[in-house]
């Protein structure tokens, strides 16, 4: 006889906002409130909320400033949040032209540049950062942080 093993489904949330920098506070508020409301699902997330909020803000502002630079400000940016017992994943979806993050130069220590630290910062704040172009023509920046619930 087959045994049924229950599978845990991660808690998920979604936000869509206009491609405007003045909605950053709204994005941060949504993220923090969502993390707080779902902390029962993944209690360890609270310890990483600030780092993840900074990573989300960096990814969102990059989508607005770079990917959507030549698109109307009402163009939507979708943000998905999935919290599980052992990881958090933030996905930021935009409609800009694709780019290859592997071609971005690493900032050099002591070099004060006006920009160029975003990808470097994201990789320091998260455990896994990936970027890909989806079949529907959108770009997805995936930011993952791993953790475990205390026992």
N, C-alpha and C. Protein backbone atom coordinates (compact mmCIF):
# COMPACT_ATOMS: atom_id res chain seq x y z
N UNK A 1 0.84 -1.17 0.00
CA UNK A 1 0.00 0.00 0.00
C UNK A 1 0.89 1.25 0.00
N UNK A 2 0.55 2.21 -0.83
CA UNK A 2 1.32 3.45 -0.93
C UNK A 2 1.08 4.32 0.30
N UNK A 3 2.13 4.97 0.72
CA UNK A 3 2.04 5.87 1.86
C UNK A 3 2.00 7.31 1.36
N UNK A 4 1.08 8.09 1.86
CA UNK A 4 0.96 9.50 1.47
C UNK A 4 1.81 10.32 2.42
N UNK A 5 2.73 11.08 1.86
CA UNK A 5 3.58 11.95 2.66
C UNK A 5 3.13 13.38 2.42
N UNK A 6 2.66 14.06 3.47
CA UNK A 6 2.22 15.44 3.27
C UNK A 6 3.38 16.32 2.84
N UNK A 7 3.10 17.22 1.96
CA UNK A 7 4.12 18.14 1.47
C UNK A 7 3.77 19.54 1.94
N UNK A 8 4.78 20.22 2.46
CA UNK A 8 4.59 21.59 2.92
C UNK A 8 4.56 22.53 1.71
N UNK A 9 3.61 23.41 1.68
CA UNK A 9 3.51 24.41 0.62
C UNK A 9 3.99 25.74 1.18
N UNK A 10 4.93 26.40 0.52
CA UNK A 10 5.41 27.68 1.04
C UNK A 10 4.31 28.75 1.05
N UNK A 11 4.41 29.65 2.02
CA UNK A 11 3.51 30.80 2.05
C UNK A 11 3.96 31.76 0.94
N UNK A 12 3.00 32.33 0.23
CA UNK A 12 3.34 33.19 -0.89
C UNK A 12 2.57 34.50 -0.84
N UNK A 13 3.18 35.53 -1.40
CA UNK A 13 2.54 36.84 -1.50
C UNK A 13 2.97 37.47 -2.81
N UNK A 14 2.16 38.41 -3.30
CA UNK A 14 2.44 39.06 -4.58
C UNK A 14 2.10 40.55 -4.46
N UNK A 15 2.91 41.37 -5.11
CA UNK A 15 2.67 42.81 -5.18
C UNK A 15 2.99 43.27 -6.59
N UNK A 16 2.14 44.12 -7.14
CA UNK A 16 2.44 44.76 -8.41
C UNK A 16 2.42 46.26 -8.19
N UNK A 17 3.49 46.93 -8.64
CA UNK A 17 3.60 48.38 -8.48
C UNK A 17 4.05 48.99 -9.79
N UNK A 18 3.84 50.29 -9.90
CA UNK A 18 4.30 51.04 -11.07
C UNK A 18 5.81 51.14 -11.04
N UNK A 19 6.39 51.37 -12.18
CA UNK A 19 7.83 51.49 -12.32
C UNK A 19 8.27 52.91 -11.95
N UNK A 20 8.18 53.22 -10.67
CA UNK A 20 8.49 54.55 -10.16
C UNK A 20 9.25 54.42 -8.84
N UNK A 21 10.30 55.20 -8.70
CA UNK A 21 11.09 55.13 -7.48
C UNK A 21 10.32 55.59 -6.25
N UNK A 22 9.30 56.42 -6.43
CA UNK A 22 8.57 56.91 -5.25
C UNK A 22 7.68 55.85 -4.61
N UNK A 23 7.65 54.63 -5.15
CA UNK A 23 6.89 53.56 -4.50
C UNK A 23 7.80 52.62 -3.68
N UNK A 24 9.08 52.97 -3.56
CA UNK A 24 10.01 52.14 -2.79
C UNK A 24 9.53 51.94 -1.36
N UNK A 25 9.04 53.00 -0.72
CA UNK A 25 8.55 52.87 0.66
C UNK A 25 7.38 51.90 0.73
N UNK A 26 6.51 51.94 -0.27
CA UNK A 26 5.37 51.01 -0.32
C UNK A 26 5.87 49.57 -0.45
N UNK A 27 6.87 49.34 -1.29
CA UNK A 27 7.44 48.01 -1.49
C UNK A 27 8.06 47.51 -0.18
N UNK A 28 8.84 48.37 0.48
CA UNK A 28 9.46 47.98 1.75
C UNK A 28 8.42 47.67 2.82
N UNK A 29 7.40 48.50 2.91
CA UNK A 29 6.34 48.29 3.91
C UNK A 29 5.63 46.96 3.65
N UNK A 30 5.28 46.70 2.39
CA UNK A 30 4.63 45.44 2.03
C UNK A 30 5.51 44.25 2.43
N UNK A 31 6.80 44.34 2.12
CA UNK A 31 7.71 43.23 2.42
C UNK A 31 7.78 42.99 3.92
N UNK A 32 7.99 44.04 4.70
CA UNK A 32 8.11 43.87 6.16
C UNK A 32 6.81 43.36 6.77
N UNK A 33 5.68 43.89 6.34
CA UNK A 33 4.38 43.44 6.86
C UNK A 33 4.13 41.98 6.49
N UNK A 34 4.49 41.61 5.27
CA UNK A 34 4.30 40.23 4.84
C UNK A 34 5.20 39.29 5.64
N UNK A 35 6.45 39.68 5.84
CA UNK A 35 7.35 38.85 6.65
C UNK A 35 6.81 38.68 8.07
N UNK A 36 6.34 39.78 8.66
CA UNK A 36 5.78 39.70 10.02
C UNK A 36 4.57 38.79 10.07
N UNK A 37 3.69 38.92 9.09
CA UNK A 37 2.46 38.12 9.11
C UNK A 37 2.73 36.64 8.86
N UNK A 38 3.83 36.33 8.20
CA UNK A 38 4.13 34.93 7.88
C UNK A 38 5.25 34.35 8.74
N UNK A 39 5.66 35.08 9.78
CA UNK A 39 6.76 34.60 10.61
C UNK A 39 6.48 33.25 11.24
N UNK A 40 5.20 32.94 11.47
CA UNK A 40 4.85 31.63 12.00
C UNK A 40 5.27 30.51 11.07
N UNK A 41 5.26 30.79 9.76
CA UNK A 41 5.68 29.81 8.76
C UNK A 41 7.20 29.60 8.81
N UNK A 42 7.92 30.67 9.00
CA UNK A 42 9.38 30.64 8.96
C UNK A 42 9.92 31.63 9.98
N UNK A 43 10.00 31.20 11.23
CA UNK A 43 10.38 32.10 12.31
C UNK A 43 11.77 32.72 12.12
N UNK A 44 12.66 32.03 11.45
CA UNK A 44 14.02 32.52 11.27
C UNK A 44 14.09 33.73 10.35
N UNK A 45 13.05 33.97 9.57
CA UNK A 45 13.05 35.07 8.60
C UNK A 45 13.24 36.41 9.27
N UNK A 46 12.65 36.59 10.46
CA UNK A 46 12.76 37.87 11.17
C UNK A 46 14.20 38.31 11.36
N UNK A 47 15.11 37.35 11.55
CA UNK A 47 16.53 37.68 11.74
C UNK A 47 17.18 38.21 10.47
N UNK A 48 16.58 37.95 9.34
CA UNK A 48 17.17 38.35 8.05
C UNK A 48 16.34 39.40 7.33
N UNK A 49 15.31 39.90 7.97
CA UNK A 49 14.38 40.81 7.31
C UNK A 49 15.08 42.07 6.78
N UNK A 50 15.97 42.66 7.55
CA UNK A 50 16.64 43.89 7.11
C UNK A 50 17.50 43.64 5.87
N UNK A 51 18.27 42.55 5.88
CA UNK A 51 19.12 42.23 4.72
C UNK A 51 18.27 41.97 3.48
N UNK A 52 17.18 41.22 3.68
CA UNK A 52 16.31 40.90 2.55
C UNK A 52 15.58 42.14 2.04
N UNK A 53 15.18 43.03 2.95
CA UNK A 53 14.53 44.28 2.53
C UNK A 53 15.50 45.13 1.71
N UNK A 54 16.76 45.16 2.11
CA UNK A 54 17.77 45.91 1.35
C UNK A 54 17.98 45.27 -0.02
N UNK A 55 18.04 43.94 -0.07
CA UNK A 55 18.21 43.25 -1.35
C UNK A 55 17.01 43.52 -2.27
N UNK A 56 15.81 43.46 -1.71
CA UNK A 56 14.60 43.75 -2.49
C UNK A 56 14.64 45.18 -3.02
N UNK A 57 15.00 46.12 -2.17
CA UNK A 57 15.07 47.52 -2.58
C UNK A 57 16.09 47.71 -3.70
N UNK A 58 17.24 47.09 -3.58
CA UNK A 58 18.27 47.19 -4.61
C UNK A 58 17.79 46.61 -5.93
N UNK A 59 17.18 45.43 -5.87
CA UNK A 59 16.66 44.81 -7.09
C UNK A 59 15.56 45.62 -7.73
N UNK A 60 14.65 46.15 -6.91
CA UNK A 60 13.54 46.95 -7.43
C UNK A 60 14.06 48.24 -8.07
N UNK A 61 14.94 48.96 -7.39
CA UNK A 61 15.44 50.23 -7.95
C UNK A 61 16.25 49.98 -9.23
N UNK A 62 16.95 48.86 -9.31
CA UNK A 62 17.66 48.53 -10.55
C UNK A 62 16.67 48.30 -11.69
N UNK A 63 15.56 47.63 -11.40
CA UNK A 63 14.55 47.40 -12.44
C UNK A 63 13.98 48.73 -12.93
N UNK A 64 13.71 49.65 -12.01
CA UNK A 64 13.16 50.96 -12.39
C UNK A 64 14.20 51.77 -13.17
N UNK A 65 15.41 51.88 -12.64
CA UNK A 65 16.43 52.75 -13.23
C UNK A 65 17.03 52.20 -14.53
N UNK A 66 17.16 50.90 -14.61
CA UNK A 66 17.85 50.33 -15.77
C UNK A 66 16.90 49.61 -16.72
N UNK A 67 16.22 48.58 -16.25
CA UNK A 67 15.36 47.79 -17.13
C UNK A 67 14.21 48.61 -17.70
N UNK A 68 13.61 49.46 -16.88
CA UNK A 68 12.45 50.23 -17.32
C UNK A 68 12.78 51.69 -17.64
N UNK A 69 14.05 52.00 -17.82
CA UNK A 69 14.46 53.39 -18.05
C UNK A 69 13.73 54.04 -19.23
N UNK A 70 13.43 53.27 -20.26
CA UNK A 70 12.80 53.84 -21.46
C UNK A 70 11.35 53.38 -21.62
N UNK A 71 10.77 52.89 -20.54
CA UNK A 71 9.37 52.44 -20.56
C UNK A 71 8.51 53.43 -19.79
N UNK A 72 7.22 53.49 -20.08
CA UNK A 72 6.34 54.40 -19.34
C UNK A 72 6.34 54.07 -17.85
N UNK A 73 6.24 55.09 -16.98
CA UNK A 73 6.29 54.84 -15.53
C UNK A 73 5.16 53.96 -15.01
N UNK A 74 4.08 53.86 -15.77
CA UNK A 74 2.97 52.99 -15.31
C UNK A 74 3.21 51.52 -15.63
N UNK A 75 4.33 51.21 -16.32
CA UNK A 75 4.67 49.82 -16.59
C UNK A 75 4.85 49.09 -15.25
N UNK A 76 4.19 47.98 -15.12
CA UNK A 76 4.21 47.26 -13.84
C UNK A 76 5.49 46.49 -13.59
N UNK A 77 5.83 46.42 -12.32
CA UNK A 77 6.87 45.52 -11.83
C UNK A 77 6.17 44.60 -10.84
N UNK A 78 6.33 43.30 -11.05
CA UNK A 78 5.72 42.31 -10.16
C UNK A 78 6.75 41.79 -9.18
N UNK A 79 6.33 41.64 -7.94
CA UNK A 79 7.21 41.11 -6.90
C UNK A 79 6.50 39.92 -6.26
N UNK A 80 7.17 38.79 -6.26
CA UNK A 80 6.65 37.58 -5.61
C UNK A 80 7.53 37.26 -4.42
N UNK A 81 6.90 36.82 -3.36
CA UNK A 81 7.62 36.44 -2.15
C UNK A 81 7.14 35.05 -1.76
N UNK A 82 8.07 34.12 -1.59
CA UNK A 82 7.73 32.77 -1.14
C UNK A 82 8.56 32.46 0.10
N UNK A 83 7.88 32.19 1.21
CA UNK A 83 8.53 31.85 2.46
C UNK A 83 8.28 30.39 2.77
N UNK A 84 9.35 29.65 2.99
CA UNK A 84 9.24 28.25 3.35
C UNK A 84 10.01 28.04 4.65
N UNK A 85 9.98 26.83 5.16
CA UNK A 85 10.65 26.57 6.43
C UNK A 85 12.15 26.73 6.34
N UNK A 86 12.72 26.59 5.15
CA UNK A 86 14.18 26.65 5.03
C UNK A 86 14.69 27.69 4.03
N UNK A 87 13.81 28.49 3.45
CA UNK A 87 14.29 29.53 2.53
C UNK A 87 13.22 30.58 2.27
N UNK A 88 13.72 31.75 1.86
CA UNK A 88 12.87 32.83 1.37
C UNK A 88 13.33 33.11 -0.05
N UNK A 89 12.37 33.27 -0.95
CA UNK A 89 12.72 33.66 -2.31
C UNK A 89 11.91 34.89 -2.69
N UNK A 90 12.62 35.90 -3.16
CA UNK A 90 12.01 37.12 -3.70
C UNK A 90 12.24 37.08 -5.20
N UNK A 91 11.19 37.25 -5.97
CA UNK A 91 11.32 37.33 -7.42
C UNK A 91 10.79 38.68 -7.89
N UNK A 92 11.63 39.40 -8.62
CA UNK A 92 11.27 40.71 -9.17
C UNK A 92 11.19 40.55 -10.68
N UNK A 93 10.00 40.83 -11.23
CA UNK A 93 9.74 40.65 -12.65
C UNK A 93 9.63 42.01 -13.34
N UNK A 94 10.37 42.19 -14.44
CA UNK A 94 10.29 43.44 -15.20
C UNK A 94 10.16 43.15 -16.69
N UNK A 95 9.89 44.21 -17.45
CA UNK A 95 9.67 44.10 -18.90
C UNK A 95 10.80 44.73 -19.72
N UNK A 96 11.93 44.99 -19.11
CA UNK A 96 13.02 45.63 -19.82
C UNK A 96 13.78 44.68 -20.73
N UNK A 97 14.78 45.22 -21.41
CA UNK A 97 15.64 44.39 -22.24
C UNK A 97 16.47 43.48 -21.33
N UNK A 98 16.76 42.27 -21.79
CA UNK A 98 17.58 41.37 -20.97
C UNK A 98 19.03 41.85 -20.94
N UNK A 99 19.74 41.43 -19.92
CA UNK A 99 21.17 41.72 -19.85
C UNK A 99 21.86 40.53 -19.21
N UNK A 100 23.16 40.48 -19.35
CA UNK A 100 23.94 39.39 -18.79
C UNK A 100 24.71 39.90 -17.58
N UNK A 101 24.28 39.56 -16.36
CA UNK A 101 24.96 40.07 -15.17
C UNK A 101 26.39 39.57 -15.04
N UNK A 102 26.73 38.49 -15.74
CA UNK A 102 28.10 37.98 -15.68
C UNK A 102 29.09 38.94 -16.34
N UNK A 103 28.58 39.83 -17.18
CA UNK A 103 29.45 40.80 -17.86
C UNK A 103 29.72 42.04 -17.02
N UNK A 104 29.04 42.16 -15.88
CA UNK A 104 29.24 43.33 -15.01
C UNK A 104 30.58 43.20 -14.30
N UNK A 105 31.39 44.25 -14.34
CA UNK A 105 32.69 44.18 -13.66
C UNK A 105 32.50 44.27 -12.14
N UNK A 106 33.36 43.56 -11.42
CA UNK A 106 33.37 43.65 -9.95
C UNK A 106 33.94 45.02 -9.57
N UNK A 107 33.29 45.72 -8.63
CA UNK A 107 33.88 46.98 -8.18
C UNK A 107 35.20 46.71 -7.45
N UNK A 108 36.13 47.59 -7.65
CA UNK A 108 37.44 47.43 -7.03
C UNK A 108 37.47 48.13 -5.67
N UNK A 109 38.09 47.52 -4.67
CA UNK A 109 38.19 48.17 -3.36
C UNK A 109 38.82 49.55 -3.47
N UNK A 110 38.24 50.51 -2.79
CA UNK A 110 38.75 51.87 -2.79
C UNK A 110 38.28 52.71 -3.96
N UNK A 111 37.63 52.10 -4.93
CA UNK A 111 37.13 52.80 -6.10
C UNK A 111 35.74 53.36 -5.79
N UNK A 112 35.58 54.66 -5.84
CA UNK A 112 34.30 55.28 -5.54
C UNK A 112 33.56 55.55 -6.85
N UNK A 113 32.66 54.65 -7.18
CA UNK A 113 31.86 54.80 -8.39
C UNK A 113 30.48 55.30 -8.03
N UNK A 114 29.86 56.01 -8.95
CA UNK A 114 28.50 56.51 -8.72
C UNK A 114 27.49 55.37 -8.75
N UNK A 115 27.76 54.34 -9.54
CA UNK A 115 26.88 53.18 -9.61
C UNK A 115 27.74 51.95 -9.90
N UNK A 116 27.09 50.80 -9.97
CA UNK A 116 27.82 49.59 -10.31
C UNK A 116 27.99 48.63 -9.16
N UNK A 117 27.45 48.97 -8.00
CA UNK A 117 27.59 48.11 -6.84
C UNK A 117 26.38 47.20 -6.62
N UNK A 118 25.30 47.39 -7.36
CA UNK A 118 24.05 46.69 -7.12
C UNK A 118 24.16 45.17 -7.15
N UNK A 119 24.70 44.64 -8.24
CA UNK A 119 24.82 43.19 -8.38
C UNK A 119 25.76 42.63 -7.32
N UNK A 120 26.85 43.35 -7.07
CA UNK A 120 27.82 42.97 -6.04
C UNK A 120 27.13 42.92 -4.67
N UNK A 121 26.36 43.95 -4.36
CA UNK A 121 25.65 44.02 -3.08
C UNK A 121 24.62 42.90 -2.95
N UNK A 122 23.85 42.65 -4.00
CA UNK A 122 22.85 41.58 -3.97
C UNK A 122 23.49 40.23 -3.64
N UNK A 123 24.63 39.95 -4.24
CA UNK A 123 25.29 38.67 -4.01
C UNK A 123 25.84 38.56 -2.59
N UNK A 124 26.08 39.69 -1.94
CA UNK A 124 26.56 39.66 -0.54
C UNK A 124 25.40 39.54 0.44
N UNK A 125 24.24 40.04 0.09
CA UNK A 125 23.08 40.02 0.98
C UNK A 125 22.32 38.70 0.93
N UNK A 126 22.40 37.98 -0.17
CA UNK A 126 21.62 36.76 -0.36
C UNK A 126 22.56 35.56 -0.51
N UNK A 127 21.97 34.38 -0.41
CA UNK A 127 22.75 33.16 -0.60
C UNK A 127 22.80 32.74 -2.07
N UNK A 128 21.78 33.13 -2.83
CA UNK A 128 21.73 32.77 -4.24
C UNK A 128 21.01 33.89 -4.99
N UNK A 129 21.62 34.38 -6.05
CA UNK A 129 21.02 35.41 -6.89
C UNK A 129 21.10 34.93 -8.33
N UNK A 130 19.95 34.86 -8.99
CA UNK A 130 19.93 34.45 -10.39
C UNK A 130 19.08 35.43 -11.18
N UNK A 131 19.37 35.49 -12.45
CA UNK A 131 18.65 36.38 -13.36
C UNK A 131 18.38 35.59 -14.63
N UNK A 132 17.15 35.65 -15.10
CA UNK A 132 16.83 34.95 -16.35
C UNK A 132 15.69 35.65 -17.08
N UNK A 133 15.58 35.31 -18.34
CA UNK A 133 14.50 35.81 -19.20
C UNK A 133 13.47 34.70 -19.32
N UNK A 134 12.21 35.00 -19.00
CA UNK A 134 11.16 33.99 -19.05
C UNK A 134 10.59 33.86 -20.46
N UNK A 135 9.83 32.81 -20.68
CA UNK A 135 9.23 32.56 -22.00
C UNK A 135 8.24 33.65 -22.39
N UNK A 136 7.65 34.33 -21.39
CA UNK A 136 6.68 35.39 -21.70
C UNK A 136 7.35 36.75 -21.94
N UNK A 137 8.68 36.77 -22.02
CA UNK A 137 9.40 38.00 -22.36
C UNK A 137 9.72 38.91 -21.19
N UNK A 138 9.55 38.41 -19.98
CA UNK A 138 9.89 39.22 -18.81
C UNK A 138 11.24 38.76 -18.25
N UNK A 139 11.89 39.66 -17.53
CA UNK A 139 13.11 39.33 -16.81
C UNK A 139 12.73 38.99 -15.38
N UNK A 140 13.44 38.04 -14.80
CA UNK A 140 13.21 37.70 -13.40
C UNK A 140 14.52 37.74 -12.65
N UNK A 141 14.55 38.52 -11.59
CA UNK A 141 15.66 38.53 -10.65
C UNK A 141 15.20 37.73 -9.44
N UNK A 142 15.86 36.63 -9.17
CA UNK A 142 15.51 35.77 -8.04
C UNK A 142 16.57 35.94 -6.95
N UNK A 143 16.10 36.25 -5.74
CA UNK A 143 16.97 36.48 -4.59
C UNK A 143 16.57 35.46 -3.53
N UNK A 144 17.49 34.58 -3.14
CA UNK A 144 17.17 33.51 -2.19
C UNK A 144 18.06 33.61 -0.96
N UNK A 145 17.44 33.45 0.21
CA UNK A 145 18.15 33.38 1.48
C UNK A 145 17.75 32.07 2.14
N UNK A 146 18.74 31.26 2.55
CA UNK A 146 18.47 29.99 3.21
C UNK A 146 18.54 30.16 4.72
N UNK A 147 17.80 29.34 5.42
CA UNK A 147 17.83 29.36 6.87
C UNK A 147 17.09 28.16 7.41
N UNK A 148 17.08 28.05 8.71
CA UNK A 148 16.34 26.96 9.34
C UNK A 148 15.63 27.48 10.56
N UNK A 149 14.51 26.87 10.85
CA UNK A 149 13.77 27.21 12.07
C UNK A 149 14.49 26.60 13.26
N UNK A 150 14.59 27.35 14.36
CA UNK A 150 15.21 26.78 15.55
C UNK A 150 14.36 25.62 16.07
N UNK A 151 15.04 24.60 16.58
CA UNK A 151 14.30 23.44 17.12
C UNK A 151 14.25 23.46 18.62
